[in-house]
Amino acid sequence: MIPVAKVKKPRDFDAKVKVPGDQWLNDNPKAKRPKALWTPYTKTLADGFSGLCGYAAMHDPTGGTVDHYLSFKNHPKKAFDWSNYRYASATLNSSKRNADDTVLDPFEVQAGWFEIELPSLQMRVTDAVPAAFRTKAEYTLKRLGLRDGERVLRWRQSWYEQYLSGNLTLEGLRQWAPLIAEAVERQVV
């Protein structure tokens, strides 16, 4: 995970999503899933995250999804709140499920809290994580499979191999998988 600044809410979001969404909630109080009114704003959210999954800190070539940081199951009234949206890979969004704020919020993360180790490509929590966030950070790695989950490791491996084969420069790697680029830079020093 890397620091992500909060993404500015689009000007027409409330009129097109929040107001009709809240009305939909009133009309469908027993719904199991919210109506996906936010879908047209996925690109805006992705752009705010520089196209990087808020949890894996890598570009998601599958397009990514809108993660409701506080899940619909536990917080239905947050379903149409822009401030509740995070950009995430579908795989990690699915792994997170209803973990809500037991998982570290990408907006809380500070620089240097996580790093990738080479050659294993495993993510680890660094000593830079304040004590108040340490347990949550470790739980996030476990819950989402960020430390050593097979899918995430294959994803990291694909970016690292692109760099090693010369198909991706270090600058390109920094854009698509910044924590891997930092790991490469640490190796050089």
Protein backbone atom coordinates (compact mmCIF):
# COMPACT_ATOMS: atom_id res chain seq x y z
CA MET A 1 0.00 0.00 0.00
CA ILE A 2 1.10 3.55 -0.74
CA PRO A 3 -0.30 6.95 0.20
CA VAL A 4 -3.35 8.00 -1.80
CA ALA A 5 -4.89 11.45 -1.57
CA LYS A 6 -8.67 11.66 -1.25
CA VAL A 7 -10.26 11.98 -4.65
CA LYS A 8 -12.36 15.07 -5.26
CA LYS A 9 -16.04 14.27 -5.67
CA PRO A 10 -17.28 14.94 -9.22
CA ARG A 11 -19.53 17.98 -9.46
CA ASP A 12 -22.58 16.05 -10.68
CA PHE A 13 -22.09 13.00 -8.43
CA ASP A 14 -24.74 13.89 -5.87
CA ALA A 15 -27.38 14.60 -8.52
CA LYS A 16 -26.63 11.44 -10.51
CA VAL A 17 -25.69 8.99 -7.76
CA LYS A 18 -26.22 10.15 -4.17
CA VAL A 19 -29.77 11.51 -4.43
CA PRO A 20 -31.21 8.72 -6.66
CA GLY A 21 -29.19 6.14 -4.70
CA ASP A 22 -30.60 7.22 -1.37
CA GLN A 23 -34.08 7.13 -2.89
CA TRP A 24 -33.37 3.62 -4.19
CA LEU A 25 -32.32 2.61 -0.65
CA ASN A 26 -35.61 3.93 0.74
CA ASP A 27 -37.55 2.00 -1.91
CA ASN A 28 -35.52 -1.21 -1.45
CA PRO A 29 -34.78 -1.56 2.28
CA LYS A 30 -34.21 -5.33 2.07
CA ALA A 31 -31.84 -5.29 -0.89
CA LYS A 32 -28.76 -7.52 -0.57
CA ARG A 33 -26.65 -5.38 -2.93
CA PRO A 34 -26.88 -1.74 -3.92
CA LYS A 35 -27.78 -0.62 -7.41
CA ALA A 36 -24.45 0.23 -9.09
CA LEU A 37 -25.20 3.87 -9.86
CA TRP A 38 -21.53 4.80 -9.26
CA THR A 39 -20.25 2.80 -12.27
CA PRO A 40 -19.93 5.83 -14.60
CA TYR A 41 -17.52 7.35 -12.05
CA THR A 42 -15.15 4.37 -11.80
CA LYS A 43 -12.68 6.01 -14.18
CA THR A 44 -12.71 9.24 -12.16
CA LEU A 45 -11.92 7.25 -9.03
CA ALA A 46 -9.26 5.20 -10.84
CA ASP A 47 -7.63 8.38 -12.14
CA GLY A 48 -7.52 9.72 -8.58
CA PHE A 49 -5.63 6.57 -7.58
CA SER A 50 -3.32 6.94 -10.63
CA GLY A 51 -4.79 3.69 -11.92
CA LEU A 52 -3.27 1.78 -8.99
CA CYS A 53 -5.22 -0.57 -6.75
CA GLY A 54 -5.46 1.17 -3.38
CA TYR A 55 -4.43 -2.03 -1.59
CA ALA A 56 -1.91 -3.72 -3.89
CA ALA A 57 -0.34 -0.43 -5.09
CA MET A 58 -0.11 -1.77 -8.65
CA HIS A 59 -1.82 -0.99 -11.91
CA ASP A 60 -4.71 -3.38 -12.43
CA PRO A 61 -4.81 -4.41 -16.10
CA THR A 62 -8.32 -5.81 -15.61
CA GLY A 63 -9.73 -2.34 -15.01
CA GLY A 64 -10.34 -2.41 -11.26
CA THR A 65 -13.52 -1.84 -9.29
CA VAL A 66 -15.09 0.55 -6.84
CA ASP A 67 -14.58 -0.78 -3.32
CA HIS A 68 -17.06 0.36 -0.71
CA TYR A 69 -14.61 0.80 2.14
CA LEU A 70 -17.52 0.42 4.57
CA SER A 71 -19.52 -2.43 3.06
CA PHE A 72 -23.14 -2.28 2.00
CA LYS A 73 -23.90 -5.21 4.29
CA ASN A 74 -22.72 -3.36 7.41
CA HIS A 75 -23.28 0.27 6.35
CA PRO A 76 -26.03 0.43 3.69
CA LYS A 77 -26.47 4.19 4.11
CA LYS A 78 -22.85 4.66 2.89
CA ALA A 79 -23.51 2.88 -0.43
CA PHE A 80 -23.82 6.10 -2.41
CA ASP A 81 -21.32 8.28 -0.51
CA TRP A 82 -18.33 9.32 -2.63
CA SER A 83 -16.17 9.47 0.50
CA ASN A 84 -16.72 5.72 0.99
CA TYR A 85 -15.24 4.68 -2.38
CA ARG A 86 -11.75 3.30 -2.95
CA TYR A 87 -10.28 2.02 -6.20
CA ALA A 88 -9.27 -1.65 -5.94
CA SER A 89 -8.69 -4.75 -7.99
CA ALA A 90 -11.73 -7.00 -8.14
CA THR A 91 -9.75 -9.81 -6.52
CA LEU A 92 -8.78 -7.72 -3.49
CA ASN A 93 -12.21 -6.13 -3.24
CA SER A 94 -13.65 -9.65 -3.11
CA SER A 95 -11.10 -10.72 -0.48
CA LYS A 96 -11.92 -7.71 1.67
CA ARG A 97 -15.66 -8.37 1.54
CA ASN A 98 -17.20 -7.00 4.75
CA ALA A 99 -13.96 -6.46 6.69
CA ASP A 100 -14.67 -2.72 6.52
CA ASP A 101 -12.47 -0.60 8.75
CA THR A 102 -10.66 -3.59 10.26
CA VAL A 103 -8.61 -3.25 7.04
CA LEU A 104 -6.31 -0.27 6.67
CA ASP A 105 -7.84 2.54 4.63
CA PRO A 106 -5.69 3.51 1.63
CA PHE A 107 -6.33 7.13 2.60
CA GLU A 108 -4.65 6.52 6.00
CA VAL A 109 -1.43 5.02 4.62
CA GLN A 110 1.73 7.13 4.77
CA ALA A 111 4.92 6.88 2.72
CA GLY A 112 7.23 4.07 3.77
CA TRP A 113 4.67 2.03 5.71
CA PHE A 114 5.00 -0.96 3.36
CA GLU A 115 7.73 -2.38 1.19
CA ILE A 116 8.31 -5.26 -1.18
CA GLU A 117 11.16 -7.66 -0.53
CA LEU A 118 13.20 -9.07 -3.38
CA PRO A 119 13.46 -11.70 -4.67
CA SER A 120 10.36 -13.08 -2.88
CA LEU A 121 8.13 -10.11 -3.89
CA GLN A 122 6.40 -10.36 -0.52
CA MET A 123 4.97 -7.20 1.02
CA ARG A 124 5.88 -6.37 4.58
CA VAL A 125 4.97 -3.76 7.18
CA THR A 126 7.93 -1.49 7.99
CA ASP A 127 8.96 0.11 11.26
CA ALA A 128 7.56 3.39 9.90
CA VAL A 129 4.01 2.25 10.70
CA PRO A 130 2.93 3.91 13.96
CA ALA A 131 2.05 1.55 16.80
CA ALA A 132 -1.61 2.65 16.60
CA PHE A 133 -1.84 1.26 13.02
CA ARG A 134 0.49 -1.74 13.24
CA THR A 135 -2.09 -4.43 14.10
CA LYS A 136 -4.45 -3.14 11.42
CA ALA A 137 -1.61 -3.07 8.87
CA GLU A 138 -0.62 -6.67 9.62
CA TYR A 139 -4.26 -7.79 9.48
CA THR A 140 -4.67 -6.04 6.11
CA LEU A 141 -1.74 -7.99 4.65
CA LYS A 142 -3.23 -11.24 5.91
CA ARG A 143 -6.88 -10.58 5.03
CA LEU A 144 -6.15 -9.41 1.48
CA GLY A 145 -3.29 -11.81 0.77
CA LEU A 146 -0.95 -8.88 0.19
CA ARG A 147 2.04 -10.44 1.92
CA ASP A 148 2.24 -13.69 0.05
CA GLY A 149 -1.09 -14.50 -1.57
CA GLU A 150 -0.61 -16.51 -4.76
CA ARG A 151 -2.63 -14.19 -7.01
CA VAL A 152 -0.93 -11.05 -5.72
CA LEU A 153 2.52 -12.63 -6.00
CA ARG A 154 1.81 -13.63 -9.63
CA TRP A 155 0.60 -10.08 -10.29
CA ARG A 156 3.80 -8.62 -8.81
CA GLN A 157 5.89 -11.18 -10.68
CA SER A 158 4.37 -10.10 -14.00
CA TRP A 159 5.41 -6.47 -13.43
CA TYR A 160 8.86 -7.44 -12.13
CA GLU A 161 9.48 -9.75 -15.12
CA GLN A 162 8.53 -6.93 -17.50
CA TYR A 163 11.22 -4.82 -15.85
CA LEU A 164 13.84 -7.61 -15.79
CA SER A 165 13.27 -8.43 -19.47
CA GLY A 166 13.76 -4.79 -20.45
CA ASN A 167 10.19 -4.32 -21.62
CA LEU A 168 9.62 -1.81 -18.81
CA THR A 169 12.05 0.83 -17.59
CA LEU A 170 12.53 1.59 -13.93
CA GLU A 171 10.49 4.76 -14.49
CA GLY A 172 7.73 2.64 -16.08
CA LEU A 173 7.89 0.21 -13.18
CA ARG A 174 7.57 3.16 -10.79
CA GLN A 175 4.37 4.17 -12.60
CA TRP A 176 2.79 0.71 -12.73
CA ALA A 177 4.12 -0.91 -9.53
CA PRO A 178 5.84 1.72 -7.36
CA LEU A 179 6.66 -0.53 -4.40
CA ILE A 180 8.45 -2.97 -6.69
CA ALA A 181 10.39 -0.06 -8.19
CA GLU A 182 11.42 1.02 -4.68
CA ALA A 183 12.59 -2.55 -3.97
CA VAL A 184 14.70 -2.51 -7.14
CA GLU A 185 16.20 0.83 -6.15
CA ARG A 186 17.08 -0.49 -2.67
CA GLN A 187 18.88 -3.43 -4.27
CA VAL A 188 21.04 -1.11 -6.37
CA VAL A 189 22.19 0.95 -3.39
